[in-house]
Amino acid sequence: MRNSRFRQVGIYTKKNFRLFINEKGWKTFIFAAIISLAVSFVLSSEMFQYNMATWQGFITLISACIWIGIFNSIQSICKQRGIIKREHRTGLHMSSFVFSHLIYQAVICLVEALLLLLISMIFLKYPHQSLIGSIHAEYFITYFLTIYAADVLALAISSIVKSPTTAMTIMPFLLIFELIFSGALFQLDGPAGYLSYLTTCRYGLNAACISADYNDLEDTEKARIGNYMYSAVQENNLPVSREQIDQLLDENYETEEVKDYRYTTGNLLLQWFFLLLHTGITAAVSIVALEFIDKDKR
């Protein structure tokens, strides 16, 4: 007898949480905490003060979000493909099955985003200004949406492939694609630049840098030049103050504004929207892929 789609969502959501308890899924949180601790430990104390240090720090943090999210669900569906196939033939709606996983994974990602935020707060002093009223809530939302988008992307891959071995083989290629084609590591031109719009990392990094007011931070190269000039002045006992050097640099050194990092609420919400859009698209891919599960040869 077929249950309604809504009822099936509840049944399979409860099943996922039972499996979490029985299979000691809480170990996932330990791995997330370890990677969060390792990443936060190497963050520069100059984050939120200098633009380059801030940018590099958030590349590291957002990459951790991507890794945590993909690791969450890359094997979650393919490892029980045979069971899903049998239950589909007896009335399982694939949309209900995927939605149950979306609910379950959302809870997991919320906990992991909170862990990342709390651990990073041990090593970082987040700024006070915020576009939504709380800087910690702002970064919590960015971390959660990034982890969740990567999680659902991996869920889609797990719905397509037929074995955990294949899923784990694909996993490093997902990570490489996210890092290389996000534009985080170097400038992308031509067709490669368009691929960045397909990555989760791009929008997570944009949102993190927007919240840091990246364009208003002191330029790292400008500060380095200023320190070098001031050292030279002191060594030669010249009658020039640091304020005069800074004024000279302000007049002659222009820092290019990054449009994607403009400090506006609308821009931040746009990055969050694109993360949600990526999540919705990959969730739809999961449903479509699983609808063809009966065509498996095995």
C-alpha atoms as a PDB file:
ATOM      1  CA  MET A   1       0.000   0.000   0.000  1.00  0.00           C
ATOM      2  CA  ARG A   2       1.394   3.372  -1.013  1.00  0.00           C
ATOM      3  CA  ASN A   3       1.754   6.058   1.632  1.00  0.00           C
ATOM      4  CA  SER A   4       1.337   9.714   0.724  1.00  0.00           C
ATOM      5  CA  ARG A   5       4.470  11.654  -0.217  1.00  0.00           C
ATOM      6  CA  PHE A   6       4.191  13.763   2.934  1.00  0.00           C
ATOM      7  CA  ARG A   7       3.911  10.688   5.160  1.00  0.00           C
ATOM      8  CA  GLN A   8       6.895   9.082   3.443  1.00  0.00           C
ATOM      9  CA  VAL A   9       9.004  12.171   4.147  1.00  0.00           C
ATOM     10  CA  GLY A  10       8.296  11.737   7.864  1.00  0.00           C
ATOM     11  CA  ILE A  11       8.956   7.987   7.797  1.00  0.00           C
ATOM     12  CA  TYR A  12      12.304   8.254   6.045  1.00  0.00           C
ATOM     13  CA  THR A  13      13.418  11.290   8.038  1.00  0.00           C
ATOM     14  CA  LYS A  14      12.910   9.301  11.251  1.00  0.00           C
ATOM     15  CA  LYS A  15      14.723   6.370   9.638  1.00  0.00           C
ATOM     16  CA  ASN A  16      17.719   8.582   8.838  1.00  0.00           C
ATOM     17  CA  PHE A  17      17.977   9.759  12.431  1.00  0.00           C
ATOM     18  CA  ARG A  18      17.664   6.174  13.721  1.00  0.00           C
ATOM     19  CA  LEU A  19      20.548   5.181  11.440  1.00  0.00           C
ATOM     20  CA  PHE A  20      22.480   8.189  12.741  1.00  0.00           C
ATOM     21  CA  ILE A  21      22.135   6.869  16.283  1.00  0.00           C
ATOM     22  CA  ASN A  22      22.637   3.181  15.509  1.00  0.00           C
ATOM     23  CA  GLU A  23      25.643   3.717  13.223  1.00  0.00           C
ATOM     24  CA  LYS A  24      27.238   6.328  15.507  1.00  0.00           C
ATOM     25  CA  GLY A  25      26.802   9.131  13.025  1.00  0.00           C
ATOM     26  CA  TRP A  26      27.924  11.581  15.707  1.00  0.00           C
ATOM     27  CA  LYS A  27      31.469  10.727  14.606  1.00  0.00           C
ATOM     28  CA  THR A  28      30.801  13.061  11.680  1.00  0.00           C
ATOM     29  CA  PHE A  29      30.782  15.939  14.154  1.00  0.00           C
ATOM     30  CA  ILE A  30      34.174  14.882  15.500  1.00  0.00           C
ATOM     31  CA  PHE A  31      35.657  14.962  11.988  1.00  0.00           C
ATOM     32  CA  ALA A  32      34.030  18.356  11.347  1.00  0.00           C
ATOM     33  CA  ALA A  33      35.434  19.687  14.636  1.00  0.00           C
ATOM     34  CA  ILE A  34      38.919  18.395  13.826  1.00  0.00           C
ATOM     35  CA  ILE A  35      38.995  19.987  10.374  1.00  0.00           C
ATOM     36  CA  SER A  36      37.559  23.209  11.818  1.00  0.00           C
ATOM     37  CA  LEU A  37      40.233  23.248  14.500  1.00  0.00           C
ATOM     38  CA  ALA A  38      43.040  22.530  12.034  1.00  0.00           C
ATOM     39  CA  VAL A  39      41.872  25.238   9.645  1.00  0.00           C
ATOM     40  CA  SER A  40      41.233  27.840  12.350  1.00  0.00           C
ATOM     41  CA  PHE A  41      44.638  27.187  13.903  1.00  0.00           C
ATOM     42  CA  VAL A  42      46.487  28.430  10.806  1.00  0.00           C
ATOM     43  CA  LEU A  43      44.379  31.564  10.262  1.00  0.00           C
ATOM     44  CA  SER A  44      46.277  34.830  10.333  1.00  0.00           C
ATOM     45  CA  SER A  45      45.819  37.277  13.204  1.00  0.00           C
ATOM     46  CA  GLU A  46      45.636  39.958  10.509  1.00  0.00           C
ATOM     47  CA  MET A  47      42.229  38.751   9.291  1.00  0.00           C
ATOM     48  CA  PHE A  48      39.641  41.553   9.259  1.00  0.00           C
ATOM     49  CA  GLN A  49      42.532  44.047   9.309  1.00  0.00           C
ATOM     50  CA  TYR A  50      44.281  43.521   5.955  1.00  0.00           C
ATOM     51  CA  ASN A  51      42.499  42.520   2.778  1.00  0.00           C
ATOM     52  CA  MET A  52      44.879  39.803   1.572  1.00  0.00           C
ATOM     53  CA  ALA A  53      45.048  38.070   4.952  1.00  0.00           C
ATOM     54  CA  THR A  54      41.253  38.184   5.148  1.00  0.00           C
ATOM     55  CA  TRP A  55      40.836  36.813   1.632  1.00  0.00           C
ATOM     56  CA  GLN A  56      43.314  33.979   2.200  1.00  0.00           C
ATOM     57  CA  GLY A  57      41.718  33.137   5.538  1.00  0.00           C
ATOM     58  CA  PHE A  58      38.284  32.825   4.034  1.00  0.00           C
ATOM     59  CA  ILE A  59      39.541  30.699   1.161  1.00  0.00           C
ATOM     60  CA  THR A  60      40.697  28.310   3.880  1.00  0.00           C
ATOM     61  CA  LEU A  61      37.454  28.464   5.882  1.00  0.00           C
ATOM     62  CA  ILE A  62      35.161  28.137   2.870  1.00  0.00           C
ATOM     63  CA  SER A  63      37.260  25.246   1.538  1.00  0.00           C
ATOM     64  CA  ALA A  64      36.726  23.563   4.913  1.00  0.00           C
ATOM     65  CA  CYS A  65      32.967  24.093   4.504  1.00  0.00           C
ATOM     66  CA  ILE A  66      33.090  22.462   1.064  1.00  0.00           C
ATOM     67  CA  TRP A  67      35.097  19.495   2.372  1.00  0.00           C
ATOM     68  CA  ILE A  68      32.809  18.969   5.355  1.00  0.00           C
ATOM     69  CA  GLY A  69      29.668  19.170   3.229  1.00  0.00           C
ATOM     70  CA  ILE A  70      30.873  16.762   0.545  1.00  0.00           C
ATOM     71  CA  PHE A  71      32.149  14.285   3.126  1.00  0.00           C
ATOM     72  CA  ASN A  72      28.721  14.269   4.829  1.00  0.00           C
ATOM     73  CA  SER A  73      26.736  12.668   2.046  1.00  0.00           C
ATOM     74  CA  ILE A  74      28.981  11.416  -0.760  1.00  0.00           C
ATOM     75  CA  GLN A  75      28.132   7.797   0.141  1.00  0.00           C
ATOM     76  CA  SER A  76      24.772   8.211   1.839  1.00  0.00           C
ATOM     77  CA  ILE A  77      22.560   7.032  -1.040  1.00  0.00           C
ATOM     78  CA  CYS A  78      24.769   4.838  -3.215  1.00  0.00           C
ATOM     79  CA  LYS A  79      25.615   2.532  -0.304  1.00  0.00           C
ATOM     80  CA  GLN A  80      21.925   1.585   0.088  1.00  0.00           C
ATOM     81  CA  ARG A  81      21.019   1.636  -3.607  1.00  0.00           C
ATOM     82  CA  GLY A  82      19.775  -1.941  -3.618  1.00  0.00           C
ATOM     83  CA  ILE A  83      17.371  -1.273  -0.726  1.00  0.00           C
ATOM     84  CA  ILE A  84      16.120   1.939  -2.339  1.00  0.00           C
ATOM     85  CA  LYS A  85      15.473   0.074  -5.599  1.00  0.00           C
ATOM     86  CA  ARG A  86      13.304  -2.552  -3.864  1.00  0.00           C
ATOM     87  CA  GLU A  87      11.376   0.033  -1.864  1.00  0.00           C
ATOM     88  CA  HIS A  88      10.801   2.130  -4.968  1.00  0.00           C
ATOM     89  CA  ARG A  89       9.098  -0.836  -6.597  1.00  0.00           C
ATOM     90  CA  THR A  90       6.799  -1.166  -3.581  1.00  0.00           C
ATOM     91  CA  GLY A  91       5.683   2.466  -3.536  1.00  0.00           C
ATOM     92  CA  LEU A  92       8.553   4.717  -2.452  1.00  0.00           C
ATOM     93  CA  HIS A  93       8.338   8.196  -3.994  1.00  0.00           C
ATOM     94  CA  MET A  94      11.826   9.420  -4.827  1.00  0.00           C
ATOM     95  CA  SER A  95      10.900  13.037  -4.150  1.00  0.00           C
ATOM     96  CA  SER A  96       9.866  12.051  -0.605  1.00  0.00           C
ATOM     97  CA  PHE A  97      13.043  10.054  -0.135  1.00  0.00           C
ATOM     98  CA  VAL A  98      15.261  12.949  -1.244  1.00  0.00           C
ATOM     99  CA  PHE A  99      13.339  15.501   0.846  1.00  0.00           C
ATOM    100  CA  SER A 100      13.804  13.314   3.916  1.00  0.00           C
ATOM    101  CA  HIS A 101      17.541  13.386   3.274  1.00  0.00           C
ATOM    102  CA  LEU A 102      17.451  17.159   2.771  1.00  0.00           C
ATOM    103  CA  ILE A 103      15.846  17.588   6.194  1.00  0.00           C
ATOM    104  CA  TYR A 104      18.260  15.188   7.858  1.00  0.00           C
ATOM    105  CA  GLN A 105      21.336  16.687   6.198  1.00  0.00           C
ATOM    106  CA  ALA A 106      20.169  20.218   7.056  1.00  0.00           C
ATOM    107  CA  VAL A 107      20.238  19.335  10.759  1.00  0.00           C
ATOM    108  CA  ILE A 108      23.715  17.812  10.420  1.00  0.00           C
ATOM    109  CA  CYS A 109      24.978  20.876   8.540  1.00  0.00           C
ATOM    110  CA  LEU A 110      23.512  23.258  11.128  1.00  0.00           C
ATOM    111  CA  VAL A 111      25.501  21.549  13.876  1.00  0.00           C
ATOM    112  CA  GLU A 112      28.675  21.538  11.763  1.00  0.00           C
ATOM    113  CA  ALA A 113      28.308  25.220  10.867  1.00  0.00           C
ATOM    114  CA  LEU A 114      27.916  26.023  14.554  1.00  0.00           C
ATOM    115  CA  LEU A 115      31.038  24.000  15.373  1.00  0.00           C
ATOM    116  CA  LEU A 116      33.031  25.819  12.690  1.00  0.00           C
ATOM    117  CA  LEU A 117      31.865  29.206  13.933  1.00  0.00           C
ATOM    118  CA  LEU A 118      32.549  28.485  17.619  1.00  0.00           C
ATOM    119  CA  ILE A 119      35.977  26.980  16.960  1.00  0.00           C
ATOM    120  CA  SER A 120      36.997  29.807  14.627  1.00  0.00           C
ATOM    121  CA  MET A 121      35.932  32.324  17.299  1.00  0.00           C
ATOM    122  CA  ILE A 122      38.663  30.906  19.547  1.00  0.00           C
ATOM    123  CA  PHE A 123      41.310  32.045  17.054  1.00  0.00           C
ATOM    124  CA  LEU A 124      39.582  34.962  15.318  1.00  0.00           C
ATOM    125  CA  LYS A 125      38.153  38.226  16.564  1.00  0.00           C
ATOM    126  CA  TYR A 126      35.168  38.770  14.328  1.00  0.00           C
ATOM    127  CA  PRO A 127      34.301  42.427  13.636  1.00  0.00           C
ATOM    128  CA  HIS A 128      31.366  44.148  15.317  1.00  0.00           C
ATOM    129  CA  GLN A 129      29.655  45.693  12.296  1.00  0.00           C
ATOM    130  CA  SER A 130      27.011  43.581  10.607  1.00  0.00           C
ATOM    131  CA  LEU A 131      24.594  43.930   7.721  1.00  0.00           C
ATOM    132  CA  ILE A 132      21.857  41.942   9.479  1.00  0.00           C
ATOM    133  CA  GLY A 133      22.417  42.945  13.117  1.00  0.00           C
ATOM    134  CA  SER A 134      24.774  40.187  14.295  1.00  0.00           C
ATOM    135  CA  ILE A 135      28.107  39.373  12.678  1.00  0.00           C
ATOM    136  CA  HIS A 136      28.135  35.909  14.225  1.00  0.00           C
ATOM    137  CA  ALA A 137      24.680  35.130  12.842  1.00  0.00           C
ATOM    138  CA  GLU A 138      25.859  36.475   9.496  1.00  0.00           C
ATOM    139  CA  TYR A 139      28.825  34.105   9.329  1.00  0.00           C
ATOM    140  CA  PHE A 140      26.804  31.221  10.753  1.00  0.00           C
ATOM    141  CA  ILE A 141      24.343  31.562   7.862  1.00  0.00           C
ATOM    142  CA  THR A 142      27.184  31.758   5.314  1.00  0.00           C
ATOM    143  CA  TYR A 143      28.950  28.706   6.746  1.00  0.00           C
ATOM    144  CA  PHE A 144      25.694  26.736   6.941  1.00  0.00           C
ATOM    145  CA  LEU A 145      24.549  27.557   3.409  1.00  0.00           C
ATOM    146  CA  THR A 146      27.987  26.718   2.012  1.00  0.00           C
ATOM    147  CA  ILE A 147      28.233  23.401   3.868  1.00  0.00           C
ATOM    148  CA  TYR A 148      24.653  22.533   2.950  1.00  0.00           C
ATOM    149  CA  ALA A 149      25.095  23.377  -0.745  1.00  0.00           C
ATOM    150  CA  ALA A 150      28.215  21.170  -0.889  1.00  0.00           C
ATOM    151  CA  ASP A 151      26.372  18.455   1.041  1.00  0.00           C
ATOM    152  CA  VAL A 152      23.443  18.377  -1.406  1.00  0.00           C
ATOM    153  CA  LEU A 153      25.860  18.444  -4.359  1.00  0.00           C
ATOM    154  CA  ALA A 154      27.487  15.311  -2.958  1.00  0.00           C
ATOM    155  CA  LEU A 155      24.003  13.854  -2.389  1.00  0.00           C
ATOM    156  CA  ALA A 156      23.333  14.295  -6.109  1.00  0.00           C
ATOM    157  CA  ILE A 157      26.574  12.501  -6.981  1.00  0.00           C
ATOM    158  CA  SER A 158      25.642   9.725  -4.543  1.00  0.00           C
ATOM    159  CA  SER A 159      22.276   9.407  -6.319  1.00  0.00           C
ATOM    160  CA  ILE A 160      23.927   9.041  -9.718  1.00  0.00           C
ATOM    161  CA  VAL A 161      26.790   6.618  -9.034  1.00  0.00           C
ATOM    162  CA  LYS A 162      26.179   2.977  -8.179  1.00  0.00           C
ATOM    163  CA  SER A 163      28.807   2.236  -5.545  1.00  0.00           C
ATOM    164  CA  PRO A 164      30.551   3.910  -2.599  1.00  0.00           C
ATOM    165  CA  THR A 165      33.910   3.187  -4.253  1.00  0.00           C
ATOM    166  CA  THR A 166      32.951   5.231  -7.303  1.00  0.00           C
ATOM    167  CA  ALA A 167      31.620   8.014  -5.079  1.00  0.00           C
ATOM    168  CA  MET A 168      34.894   8.238  -3.137  1.00  0.00           C
ATOM    169  CA  THR A 169      36.820   8.253  -6.416  1.00  0.00           C
ATOM    170  CA  ILE A 170      34.798  11.247  -7.612  1.00  0.00           C
ATOM    171  CA  MET A 171      35.069  13.122  -4.307  1.00  0.00           C
ATOM    172  CA  PRO A 172      38.593  14.577  -4.823  1.00  0.00           C
ATOM    173  CA  PHE A 173      37.626  15.739  -8.319  1.00  0.00           C
ATOM    174  CA  LEU A 174      34.692  17.644  -6.821  1.00  0.00           C
ATOM    175  CA  LEU A 175      37.023  19.348  -4.364  1.00  0.00           C
ATOM    176  CA  ILE A 176      39.522  20.198  -7.116  1.00  0.00           C
ATOM    177  CA  PHE A 177      36.762  21.568  -9.360  1.00  0.00           C
ATOM    178  CA  GLU A 178      35.436  23.745  -6.545  1.00  0.00           C
ATOM    179  CA  LEU A 179      38.846  25.202  -5.719  1.00  0.00           C
ATOM    180  CA  ILE A 180      40.202  25.692  -9.239  1.00  0.00           C
ATOM    181  CA  PHE A 181      37.087  26.947 -10.997  1.00  0.00           C
ATOM    182  CA  SER A 182      35.716  29.097  -8.163  1.00  0.00           C
ATOM    183  CA  GLY A 183      38.268  31.765  -9.057  1.00  0.00           C
ATOM    184  CA  ALA A 184      39.471  31.757  -5.459  1.00  0.00           C
ATOM    185  CA  LEU A 185      43.058  30.775  -6.170  1.00  0.00           C
ATOM    186  CA  PHE A 186      43.656  32.744  -9.380  1.00  0.00           C
ATOM    187  CA  GLN A 187      41.883  34.866 -11.948  1.00  0.00           C
ATOM    188  CA  LEU A 188      39.834  32.953 -14.516  1.00  0.00           C
ATOM    189  CA  ASP A 189      39.408  34.320 -18.033  1.00  0.00           C
ATOM    190  CA  GLY A 190      37.347  33.247 -21.027  1.00  0.00           C
ATOM    191  CA  PRO A 191      35.141  30.125 -20.826  1.00  0.00           C
ATOM    192  CA  ALA A 192      36.785  29.053 -17.557  1.00  0.00           C
ATOM    193  CA  GLY A 193      35.398  32.184 -15.929  1.00  0.00           C
ATOM    194  CA  TYR A 194      31.839  31.044 -16.616  1.00  0.00           C
ATOM    195  CA  LEU A 195      32.481  27.749 -14.831  1.00  0.00           C
ATOM    196  CA  SER A 196      32.980  29.668 -11.586  1.00  0.00           C
ATOM    197  CA  TYR A 197      29.228  30.347 -11.533  1.00  0.00           C
ATOM    198  CA  LEU A 198      28.704  26.599 -11.151  1.00  0.00           C
ATOM    199  CA  THR A 199      30.739  26.375  -7.941  1.00  0.00           C
ATOM    200  CA  THR A 200      29.557  26.667  -4.374  1.00  0.00           C
ATOM    201  CA  CYS A 201      32.911  28.030  -3.260  1.00  0.00           C
ATOM    202  CA  ARG A 202      32.501  31.238  -5.309  1.00  0.00           C
ATOM    203  CA  TYR A 203      29.366  32.357  -3.495  1.00  0.00           C
ATOM    204  CA  GLY A 204      30.520  31.239  -0.059  1.00  0.00           C
ATOM    205  CA  LEU A 205      33.753  33.214  -0.453  1.00  0.00           C
ATOM    206  CA  ASN A 206      31.878  36.229  -1.791  1.00  0.00           C
ATOM    207  CA  ALA A 207      29.501  36.229   1.183  1.00  0.00           C
ATOM    208  CA  ALA A 208      32.331  35.863   3.716  1.00  0.00           C
ATOM    209  CA  CYS A 209      34.316  38.747   2.192  1.00  0.00           C
ATOM    210  CA  ILE A 210      31.225  40.958   1.970  1.00  0.00           C
ATOM    211  CA  SER A 211      30.577  40.495   5.698  1.00  0.00           C
ATOM    212  CA  ALA A 212      34.210  41.432   6.389  1.00  0.00           C
ATOM    213  CA  ASP A 213      33.769  44.657   4.369  1.00  0.00           C
ATOM    214  CA  TYR A 214      36.741  43.549   2.275  1.00  0.00           C
ATOM    215  CA  ASN A 215      36.913  46.683   0.120  1.00  0.00           C
ATOM    216  CA  ASP A 216      37.307  48.887   3.191  1.00  0.00           C
ATOM    217  CA  LEU A 217      40.163  46.865   4.732  1.00  0.00           C
ATOM    218  CA  GLU A 218      43.722  48.121   4.626  1.00  0.00           C
ATOM    219  CA  ASP A 219      45.566  46.989   1.518  1.00  0.00           C
ATOM    220  CA  THR A 220      48.231  44.413   2.395  1.00  0.00           C
ATOM    221  CA  GLU A 221      50.672  45.561  -0.296  1.00  0.00           C
ATOM    222  CA  LYS A 222      50.176  49.193   0.627  1.00  0.00           C
ATOM    223  CA  ALA A 223      50.879  48.415   4.294  1.00  0.00           C
ATOM    224  CA  ARG A 224      54.017  46.476   3.317  1.00  0.00           C
ATOM    225  CA  ILE A 225      55.306  49.412   1.275  1.00  0.00           C
ATOM    226  CA  GLY A 226      54.501  51.811   4.119  1.00  0.00           C
ATOM    227  CA  ASN A 227      56.389  49.667   6.640  1.00  0.00           C
ATOM    228  CA  TYR A 228      59.390  49.445   4.324  1.00  0.00           C
ATOM    229  CA  MET A 229      59.453  53.214   3.778  1.00  0.00           C
ATOM    230  CA  TYR A 230      59.103  53.935   7.489  1.00  0.00           C
ATOM    231  CA  SER A 231      61.965  51.550   8.314  1.00  0.00           C
ATOM    232  CA  ALA A 232      64.139  53.327   5.764  1.00  0.00           C
ATOM    233  CA  VAL A 233      63.214  56.715   7.259  1.00  0.00           C
ATOM    234  CA  GLN A 234      64.144  55.553  10.764  1.00  0.00           C
ATOM    235  CA  GLU A 235      67.435  54.049   9.640  1.00  0.00           C
ATOM    236  CA  ASN A 236      68.453  57.302   7.960  1.00  0.00           C
ATOM    237  CA  ASN A 237      67.045  59.575  10.683  1.00  0.00           C
ATOM    238  CA  LEU A 238      64.931  61.519   8.207  1.00  0.00           C
ATOM    239  CA  PRO A 239      62.356  64.031   9.524  1.00  0.00           C
ATOM    240  CA  VAL A 240      59.362  62.150   8.117  1.00  0.00           C
ATOM    241  CA  SER A 241      56.554  60.776  10.273  1.00  0.00           C
ATOM    242  CA  ARG A 242      54.523  57.637   9.689  1.00  0.00           C
ATOM    243  CA  GLU A 243      51.431  59.809   9.205  1.00  0.00           C
ATOM    244  CA  GLN A 244      53.153  61.633   6.343  1.00  0.00           C
ATOM    245  CA  ILE A 245      54.084  58.327   4.711  1.00  0.00           C
ATOM    246  CA  ASP A 246      50.516  57.060   5.041  1.00  0.00           C
ATOM    247  CA  GLN A 247      49.171  60.288   3.578  1.00  0.00           C
ATOM    248  CA  LEU A 248      51.572  60.026   0.645  1.00  0.00           C
ATOM    249  CA  LEU A 249      50.490  56.457  -0.028  1.00  0.00           C
ATOM    250  CA  ASP A 250      46.808  57.402   0.227  1.00  0.00           C
ATOM    251  CA  GLU A 251      47.332  60.043  -2.435  1.00  0.00           C
ATOM    252  CA  ASN A 252      49.311  57.848  -4.809  1.00  0.00           C
ATOM    253  CA  TYR A 253      48.216  54.267  -4.156  1.00  0.00           C
ATOM    254  CA  GLU A 254      44.789  53.194  -5.362  1.00  0.00           C
ATOM    255  CA  THR A 255      43.238  49.914  -4.256  1.00  0.00           C
ATOM    256  CA  GLU A 256      40.926  48.377  -6.822  1.00  0.00           C
ATOM    257  CA  GLU A 257      37.423  47.699  -5.541  1.00  0.00           C
ATOM    258  CA  VAL A 258      36.145  44.141  -5.936  1.00  0.00           C
ATOM    259  CA  LYS A 259      32.556  44.434  -7.179  1.00  0.00           C
ATOM    260  CA  ASP A 260      31.534  41.016  -5.848  1.00  0.00           C
ATOM    261  CA  TYR A 261      32.592  42.109  -2.345  1.00  0.00           C
ATOM    262  CA  ARG A 262      30.646  45.373  -2.142  1.00  0.00           C
ATOM    263  CA  TYR A 263      29.414  45.877   1.404  1.00  0.00           C
ATOM    264  CA  THR A 264      25.645  45.986   0.952  1.00  0.00           C
ATOM    265  CA  THR A 265      22.843  43.899   2.393  1.00  0.00           C
ATOM    266  CA  GLY A 266      21.483  43.250  -1.087  1.00  0.00           C
ATOM    267  CA  ASN A 267      24.820  41.875  -2.272  1.00  0.00           C
ATOM    268  CA  LEU A 268      25.088  39.554   0.727  1.00  0.00           C
ATOM    269  CA  LEU A 269      21.542  38.299   0.257  1.00  0.00           C
ATOM    270  CA  LEU A 270      22.294  37.696  -3.420  1.00  0.00           C
ATOM    271  CA  GLN A 271      25.204  35.381  -2.537  1.00  0.00           C
ATOM    272  CA  TRP A 272      22.994  33.496  -0.086  1.00  0.00           C
ATOM    273  CA  PHE A 273      20.315  33.221  -2.763  1.00  0.00           C
ATOM    274  CA  PHE A 274      22.783  31.665  -5.220  1.00  0.00           C
ATOM    275  CA  LEU A 275      23.876  29.150  -2.582  1.00  0.00           C
ATOM    276  CA  LEU A 276      20.223  28.188  -2.071  1.00  0.00           C
ATOM    277  CA  LEU A 277      19.712  28.046  -5.838  1.00  0.00           C
ATOM    278  CA  HIS A 278      22.641  25.635  -6.193  1.00  0.00           C
ATOM    279  CA  THR A 279      21.154  23.533  -3.408  1.00  0.00           C
ATOM    280  CA  GLY A 280      17.746  23.412  -5.095  1.00  0.00           C
ATOM    281  CA  ILE A 281      19.173  22.475  -8.496  1.00  0.00           C
ATOM    282  CA  THR A 282      21.327  19.649  -7.171  1.00  0.00           C
ATOM    283  CA  ALA A 283      18.421  18.357  -5.058  1.00  0.00           C
ATOM    284  CA  ALA A 284      16.339  18.198  -8.247  1.00  0.00           C
ATOM    285  CA  VAL A 285      19.165  16.294  -9.944  1.00  0.00           C
ATOM    286  CA  SER A 286      19.048  13.747  -7.107  1.00  0.00           C
ATOM    287  CA  ILE A 287      15.328  13.165  -7.592  1.00  0.00           C
ATOM    288  CA  VAL A 288      15.616  12.800 -11.370  1.00  0.00           C
ATOM    289  CA  ALA A 289      18.605  10.436 -11.089  1.00  0.00           C
ATOM    290  CA  LEU A 290      16.818   8.185  -8.587  1.00  0.00           C
ATOM    291  CA  GLU A 291      13.692   7.999 -10.745  1.00  0.00           C
ATOM    292  CA  PHE A 292      15.770   5.873 -13.121  1.00  0.00           C
ATOM    293  CA  ILE A 293      17.009   3.513 -10.426  1.00  0.00           C
ATOM    294  CA  ASP A 294      14.876   0.636 -11.802  1.00  0.00           C
ATOM    295  CA  LYS A 295      16.978   0.705 -14.952  1.00  0.00           C
ATOM    296  CA  ASP A 296      20.030  -0.523 -13.005  1.00  0.00           C
ATOM    297  CA  LYS A 297      21.464  -3.660 -14.582  1.00  0.00           C
ATOM    298  CA  ARG A 298      22.082  -5.314 -11.261  1.00  0.00           C
END
